[in-house]
Structure formats: structure tokens, C-alpha cells
Amino acid sequence: MSSFTQQVKGNWNELKGKFKQQYADLTDDDLLYEEGKEDELLGKIQKRIGKTREEVEREVNNWSN
């Protein structure tokens, strides 16, 4: 299980709020979390904010520390 998946499962509401603060153009649909579809969620976020998977994961890890 990736660190992104662990972070999402652990505290998605908090992370969702941070994504919305940092990236105002993300919609609720972009940030809709469904258990077992973490990779799909990560892909949507990547596409909307124009960052790589590694950059998004690093950012989530920084927010969680």
C-alpha cells in the first residue's frame, strides 16, 4: 500500500481541505474519494494541477507531517 493510499484512508477530509486551499480550481468531483480507487483519485488530482505523481505524493506527505 502506498503512502498516498495510507494518508487518504487515514484523514481524507483534512487532506481534501488542504488541496482546496492550495488549488482553488479543484472541484468536489476531482476530490471525490472512493475506497479502493486511490490511484484514480491521484490521477485526477495530477491531471488538474499539472504535477507528477511523485510531486503530489510528496506534497501530501509534507502536509501530514
C-alpha atoms as a PDB file:
ATOM      1  CA  MET A   1       0.000   0.000   0.000  1.00  0.00           C
ATOM      2  CA  SER A   2       1.490   3.371  -0.999  1.00  0.00           C
ATOM      3  CA  SER A   3       1.964   6.196   1.465  1.00  0.00           C
ATOM      4  CA  PHE A   4      -0.610   8.202  -0.518  1.00  0.00           C
ATOM      5  CA  THR A   5      -3.181   5.446  -0.032  1.00  0.00           C
ATOM      6  CA  GLN A   6      -2.437   5.290   3.698  1.00  0.00           C
ATOM      7  CA  GLN A   7      -2.750   9.073   4.047  1.00  0.00           C
ATOM      8  CA  VAL A   8      -6.020   9.157   2.092  1.00  0.00           C
ATOM      9  CA  LYS A   9      -7.579   6.360   4.119  1.00  0.00           C
ATOM     10  CA  GLY A  10      -6.424   7.912   7.378  1.00  0.00           C
ATOM     11  CA  ASN A  11      -7.570  11.503   7.045  1.00  0.00           C
ATOM     12  CA  TRP A  12      -9.096  12.306   3.676  1.00  0.00           C
ATOM     13  CA  ASN A  13     -11.304  15.177   4.882  1.00  0.00           C
ATOM     14  CA  GLU A  14      -8.289  17.067   6.200  1.00  0.00           C
ATOM     15  CA  LEU A  15      -6.276  16.439   3.021  1.00  0.00           C
ATOM     16  CA  LYS A  16      -9.237  17.414   0.847  1.00  0.00           C
ATOM     17  CA  GLY A  17      -9.397  20.783   2.618  1.00  0.00           C
ATOM     18  CA  LYS A  18      -5.672  21.353   2.077  1.00  0.00           C
ATOM     19  CA  PHE A  19      -5.979  20.515  -1.619  1.00  0.00           C
ATOM     20  CA  LYS A  20      -8.844  23.010  -1.944  1.00  0.00           C
ATOM     21  CA  GLN A  21      -6.854  25.730  -0.149  1.00  0.00           C
ATOM     22  CA  GLN A  22      -3.754  25.148  -2.261  1.00  0.00           C
ATOM     23  CA  TYR A  23      -5.509  24.542  -5.600  1.00  0.00           C
ATOM     24  CA  ALA A  24      -8.747  26.513  -5.837  1.00  0.00           C
ATOM     25  CA  ASP A  25      -9.551  25.111  -9.285  1.00  0.00           C
ATOM     26  CA  LEU A  26     -10.042  21.568  -7.925  1.00  0.00           C
ATOM     27  CA  THR A  27     -13.730  20.658  -7.793  1.00  0.00           C
ATOM     28  CA  ASP A  28     -15.581  18.365  -5.401  1.00  0.00           C
ATOM     29  CA  ASP A  29     -15.779  15.841  -8.250  1.00  0.00           C
ATOM     30  CA  ASP A  30     -11.980  15.975  -8.625  1.00  0.00           C
ATOM     31  CA  LEU A  31     -11.645  15.245  -4.922  1.00  0.00           C
ATOM     32  CA  LEU A  32     -14.318  12.536  -4.630  1.00  0.00           C
ATOM     33  CA  TYR A  33     -12.758   9.649  -2.717  1.00  0.00           C
ATOM     34  CA  GLU A  34     -13.960   6.077  -3.137  1.00  0.00           C
ATOM     35  CA  GLU A  35     -12.338   3.282  -1.185  1.00  0.00           C
ATOM     36  CA  GLY A  36     -10.113   1.165  -3.410  1.00  0.00           C
ATOM     37  CA  LYS A  37      -9.828   3.883  -6.081  1.00  0.00           C
ATOM     38  CA  GLU A  38      -6.913   5.844  -4.627  1.00  0.00           C
ATOM     39  CA  ASP A  39      -4.897   5.592  -7.855  1.00  0.00           C
ATOM     40  CA  GLU A  40      -7.805   7.013  -9.842  1.00  0.00           C
ATOM     41  CA  LEU A  41      -8.096   9.880  -7.345  1.00  0.00           C
ATOM     42  CA  LEU A  42      -4.372  10.568  -7.581  1.00  0.00           C
ATOM     43  CA  GLY A  43      -4.597  10.579 -11.383  1.00  0.00           C
ATOM     44  CA  LYS A  44      -7.438  13.117 -11.364  1.00  0.00           C
ATOM     45  CA  ILE A  45      -5.535  15.404  -8.998  1.00  0.00           C
ATOM     46  CA  GLN A  46      -2.342  15.115 -11.060  1.00  0.00           C
ATOM     47  CA  LYS A  47      -4.149  15.990 -14.270  1.00  0.00           C
ATOM     48  CA  ARG A  48      -5.948  19.016 -12.792  1.00  0.00           C
ATOM     49  CA  ILE A  49      -2.935  20.586 -11.067  1.00  0.00           C
ATOM     50  CA  GLY A  50      -0.295  19.593 -13.626  1.00  0.00           C
ATOM     51  CA  LYS A  51       2.074  17.798 -11.272  1.00  0.00           C
ATOM     52  CA  THR A  52       3.631  14.353 -11.364  1.00  0.00           C
ATOM     53  CA  ARG A  53       2.508  11.507  -9.145  1.00  0.00           C
ATOM     54  CA  GLU A  54       5.681  11.887  -7.083  1.00  0.00           C
ATOM     55  CA  GLU A  55       5.107  15.629  -6.605  1.00  0.00           C
ATOM     56  CA  VAL A  56       1.533  15.080  -5.409  1.00  0.00           C
ATOM     57  CA  GLU A  57       2.592  12.280  -3.053  1.00  0.00           C
ATOM     58  CA  ARG A  58       5.432  14.424  -1.662  1.00  0.00           C
ATOM     59  CA  GLU A  59       3.031  17.293  -1.033  1.00  0.00           C
ATOM     60  CA  VAL A  60       0.562  15.015   0.792  1.00  0.00           C
ATOM     61  CA  ASN A  61       3.399  13.639   2.926  1.00  0.00           C
ATOM     62  CA  ASN A  62       4.548  17.165   3.798  1.00  0.00           C
ATOM     63  CA  TRP A  63       1.009  18.161   4.854  1.00  0.00           C
ATOM     64  CA  SER A  64       0.727  15.095   7.052  1.00  0.00           C
ATOM     65  CA  ASN A  65       3.975  15.641   8.964  1.00  0.00           C
END
